[in-house]
Amino acid sequence: MNRAFPWALAAFLALVLVPFAAIGCGGESSASAEAPHSITTTADEPTCPPALARGWQKLADQIEAAVYCPSWLPDPLVGRIGGQWEGIHSVTKENSYLIGFIWFQRDAGEVHVNLRGYPGETKVPSCNGQPCFSGERGTREVAGTTVDVYTVNHGADTWHVLYAWKDNGSLYSVSQHVVPELGLSYSQVVKSLDRIMAGLVKIEPQQS
């Protein structure tokens, strides 16, 4: 199942697909040439609010695998599946998923966060014969999870900084778009991703 809300799709086309078309899926788009420092971010035990948990639980049940509910996203985003800010919702026949949240105001600001999961797979997925995630910049220890940092990504994660991690035989990722001209620098996005990671809540599928 795939869907993209019209307003969000317009923003996505303007800010992602246009530069992506210039380089193609086979091109490389680097969010930064600077490697991040490894740090540990601590936070209180996060919880997934009921208004968010319903959608993420439904997704977990649909794919019969664990998903991660984002209890915090950068303003004004809220990680509610089917809510105001969900702009991308894709579930493949292999049960991998891409959930994207987007806010866009022309010449004023843009916030775009993607969450992915690949149940039963730990290899980086392929985009037209090449890795979807590349430009690895080392690892970070964030809220007890070791993440691989990628800054040259493709598809919906073009121009994003992306964190990827493995859990129980599955690959997960979260990424955010770097937009320096609109006030979202590489360092700001890394801080945002650290906070998103610290607020993720794992939701297991319910027994049928």
Protein backbone atom coordinates (compact mmCIF):
# COMPACT_ATOMS: atom_id res chain seq x y z
CA MET A 1 0.00 0.00 0.00
CA ASN A 2 1.34 3.38 -0.98
CA ARG A 3 -0.08 6.83 -0.52
CA ALA A 4 1.16 10.40 -0.51
CA PHE A 5 -1.02 13.33 0.49
CA PRO A 6 -1.29 15.97 -2.27
CA TRP A 7 0.15 18.94 -0.38
CA ALA A 8 3.01 16.90 1.00
CA LEU A 9 3.68 15.34 -2.36
CA ALA A 10 3.99 18.80 -3.91
CA ALA A 11 6.57 19.77 -1.31
CA PHE A 12 8.36 16.49 -1.78
CA LEU A 13 8.51 17.00 -5.54
CA ALA A 14 9.78 20.54 -5.15
CA LEU A 15 12.50 19.81 -2.63
CA VAL A 16 13.50 16.20 -3.25
CA LEU A 17 12.52 14.93 -6.65
CA VAL A 18 13.69 17.98 -8.60
CA PRO A 19 17.34 17.73 -7.49
CA PHE A 20 16.98 13.94 -7.55
CA ALA A 21 15.91 14.09 -11.20
CA ALA A 22 19.05 16.02 -12.00
CA ILE A 23 21.30 13.30 -10.59
CA GLY A 24 19.03 10.26 -11.00
CA CYS A 25 18.71 7.44 -8.47
CA GLY A 26 22.23 6.47 -9.43
CA GLY A 27 23.64 9.87 -8.47
CA GLU A 28 25.15 10.82 -5.17
CA SER A 29 23.82 13.61 -2.98
CA SER A 30 25.81 14.33 0.13
CA ALA A 31 24.17 15.93 3.14
CA SER A 32 27.60 16.80 4.53
CA ALA A 33 31.27 16.02 4.12
CA GLU A 34 31.89 16.27 7.84
CA ALA A 35 31.93 13.13 9.98
CA PRO A 36 29.86 13.32 13.18
CA HIS A 37 31.42 12.68 16.56
CA SER A 38 30.28 9.66 18.53
CA ILE A 39 28.20 10.68 21.50
CA THR A 40 25.74 9.16 23.92
CA THR A 41 22.35 10.80 24.33
CA THR A 42 20.35 9.98 27.42
CA ALA A 43 16.68 10.64 28.04
CA ASP A 44 13.85 9.55 30.29
CA GLU A 45 12.11 6.38 29.19
CA PRO A 46 9.97 7.50 26.23
CA THR A 47 6.35 6.52 25.73
CA CYS A 48 4.25 6.44 22.58
CA PRO A 49 1.11 8.55 23.18
CA PRO A 50 -2.18 6.74 22.54
CA ALA A 51 -3.01 9.02 19.59
CA LEU A 52 0.20 7.87 17.90
CA ALA A 53 0.30 4.31 19.22
CA ARG A 54 -2.88 3.24 17.41
CA GLY A 55 -1.43 3.83 13.95
CA TRP A 56 1.96 2.32 14.72
CA GLN A 57 0.35 -0.72 16.35
CA LYS A 58 -1.79 -1.19 13.24
CA LEU A 59 1.36 -1.04 11.09
CA ALA A 60 3.16 -3.56 13.31
CA ASP A 61 0.20 -5.92 13.09
CA GLN A 62 -0.01 -5.48 9.31
CA ILE A 63 3.63 -6.40 8.67
CA GLU A 64 3.83 -8.82 11.61
CA ALA A 65 7.04 -7.22 12.84
CA ALA A 66 8.19 -4.60 15.31
CA VAL A 67 8.07 -0.92 14.38
CA TYR A 68 9.35 2.22 16.10
CA CYS A 69 6.94 4.95 17.17
CA PRO A 70 8.54 8.43 17.19
CA SER A 71 7.36 10.01 20.44
CA TRP A 72 9.16 13.23 19.41
CA LEU A 73 9.62 14.85 16.01
CA PRO A 74 10.87 18.36 15.24
CA ASP A 75 8.22 21.09 15.21
CA PRO A 76 5.66 21.20 13.79
CA LEU A 77 5.68 17.49 12.94
CA VAL A 78 3.78 14.89 14.95
CA GLY A 79 4.41 11.20 14.25
CA ARG A 80 0.80 10.22 13.81
CA ILE A 81 0.14 7.77 10.97
CA GLY A 82 -2.75 9.12 8.95
CA GLY A 83 -2.39 12.50 10.63
CA GLN A 84 -1.86 16.00 9.28
CA TRP A 85 1.86 15.68 8.65
CA GLU A 86 2.10 12.18 7.19
CA GLY A 87 3.11 12.71 3.57
CA ILE A 88 4.45 9.26 2.59
CA HIS A 89 3.02 5.87 3.54
CA SER A 90 4.42 2.84 1.73
CA VAL A 91 4.37 -0.85 2.64
CA THR A 92 5.86 -3.34 0.19
CA LYS A 93 4.87 -6.93 -0.44
CA GLU A 94 7.97 -7.90 1.57
CA ASN A 95 6.49 -5.89 4.49
CA SER A 96 9.21 -3.24 4.51
CA TYR A 97 7.79 0.20 5.21
CA LEU A 98 8.50 3.88 4.65
CA ILE A 99 6.59 6.44 6.68
CA GLY A 100 7.42 10.09 5.93
CA PHE A 101 6.34 13.23 7.77
CA ILE A 102 6.64 16.55 5.94
CA TRP A 103 6.01 20.22 6.64
CA PHE A 104 6.79 22.77 3.96
CA GLN A 105 6.27 26.49 3.51
CA ARG A 106 7.88 27.99 0.44
CA ASP A 107 10.78 30.36 1.21
CA ALA A 108 10.12 29.92 4.92
CA GLY A 109 10.94 26.41 6.07
CA GLU A 110 10.81 22.66 5.49
CA VAL A 111 10.98 19.70 7.85
CA HIS A 112 11.02 16.18 6.41
CA VAL A 113 11.61 13.03 8.47
CA ASN A 114 11.47 9.44 7.16
CA LEU A 115 11.22 6.25 9.19
CA ARG A 116 11.91 2.88 7.58
CA GLY A 117 11.88 -0.76 8.58
CA TYR A 118 12.99 -3.94 6.79
CA PRO A 119 11.67 -6.98 8.69
CA GLY A 120 13.97 -9.98 8.48
CA GLU A 121 16.60 -8.08 6.47
CA THR A 122 19.81 -6.46 7.73
CA LYS A 123 21.45 -5.53 4.42
CA VAL A 124 21.21 -1.98 3.13
CA PRO A 125 18.45 -1.96 0.48
CA SER A 126 19.22 -1.42 -3.19
CA CYS A 127 18.21 1.52 -5.39
CA ASN A 128 18.61 0.64 -9.08
CA GLY A 129 21.54 -1.66 -8.39
CA GLN A 130 23.35 0.46 -5.82
CA PRO A 131 22.95 0.91 -2.04
CA CYS A 132 20.13 3.26 -1.07
CA PHE A 133 22.22 4.38 1.94
CA SER A 134 25.87 5.30 1.36
CA GLY A 135 28.50 7.83 2.34
CA GLU A 136 28.95 6.16 5.73
CA ARG A 137 30.40 8.56 8.30
CA GLY A 138 31.03 6.20 11.19
CA THR A 139 28.82 5.29 14.12
CA ARG A 140 27.13 7.08 16.97
CA GLU A 141 25.94 5.76 20.30
CA VAL A 142 22.52 7.31 20.84
CA ALA A 143 20.33 6.42 23.80
CA GLY A 144 21.94 2.99 24.07
CA THR A 145 21.71 2.18 20.36
CA THR A 146 24.65 2.10 17.97
CA VAL A 147 23.67 3.71 14.67
CA ASP A 148 25.51 3.90 11.36
CA VAL A 149 25.47 7.42 9.92
CA TYR A 150 24.98 7.91 6.18
CA THR A 151 25.11 11.21 4.32
CA VAL A 152 24.89 10.14 0.65
CA ASN A 153 21.45 8.64 0.18
CA HIS A 154 18.94 8.07 -2.60
CA GLY A 155 15.22 8.01 -3.26
CA ALA A 156 13.10 9.56 -0.50
CA ASP A 157 16.24 10.02 1.63
CA THR A 158 18.10 12.19 -0.92
CA TRP A 159 19.80 15.15 0.82
CA HIS A 160 19.10 13.54 4.22
CA VAL A 161 21.33 12.55 7.10
CA LEU A 162 20.30 8.99 7.90
CA TYR A 163 20.78 6.82 10.99
CA ALA A 164 20.48 3.05 10.49
CA TRP A 165 20.55 0.30 13.10
CA LYS A 166 19.85 -3.41 13.38
CA ASP A 167 17.49 -4.98 15.88
CA ASN A 168 16.59 -8.65 16.18
CA GLY A 169 17.50 -9.48 12.60
CA SER A 170 15.87 -6.42 11.02
CA LEU A 171 17.17 -3.10 9.68
CA TYR A 172 15.62 0.22 10.69
CA SER A 173 16.41 3.80 9.80
CA VAL A 174 15.40 7.38 10.48
CA SER A 175 16.49 10.33 8.39
CA GLN A 176 15.97 14.07 8.14
CA HIS A 177 16.42 16.48 5.24
CA VAL A 178 19.30 18.98 5.46
CA VAL A 179 18.23 22.40 4.12
CA PRO A 180 20.91 24.98 5.01
CA GLU A 181 19.26 27.76 3.00
CA LEU A 182 16.13 27.36 5.14
CA GLY A 183 17.96 27.17 8.45
CA LEU A 184 18.45 23.39 8.81
CA SER A 185 22.20 22.81 8.84
CA TYR A 186 23.93 19.45 9.07
CA SER A 187 24.73 19.94 12.76
CA GLN A 188 21.15 20.94 13.55
CA VAL A 189 19.80 17.86 11.78
CA VAL A 190 22.20 15.59 13.68
CA LYS A 191 20.98 17.06 16.98
CA SER A 192 17.40 16.52 15.84
CA LEU A 193 18.08 12.90 14.85
CA ASP A 194 19.71 12.25 18.23
CA ARG A 195 16.55 13.46 19.94
CA ILE A 196 14.30 11.45 17.61
CA MET A 197 16.34 8.31 18.35
CA ALA A 198 16.13 8.92 22.08
CA GLY A 199 12.34 9.15 21.79
CA LEU A 200 11.70 6.03 19.72
CA VAL A 201 9.38 3.46 21.27
CA LYS A 202 9.44 -0.12 19.98
CA ILE A 203 5.99 -1.55 19.29
CA GLU A 204 5.63 -5.29 18.80
CA PRO A 205 2.83 -6.87 16.77
CA GLN A 206 -0.07 -8.14 18.83
CA GLN A 207 -0.95 -11.79 18.77
CA SER A 208 -3.94 -12.46 16.52
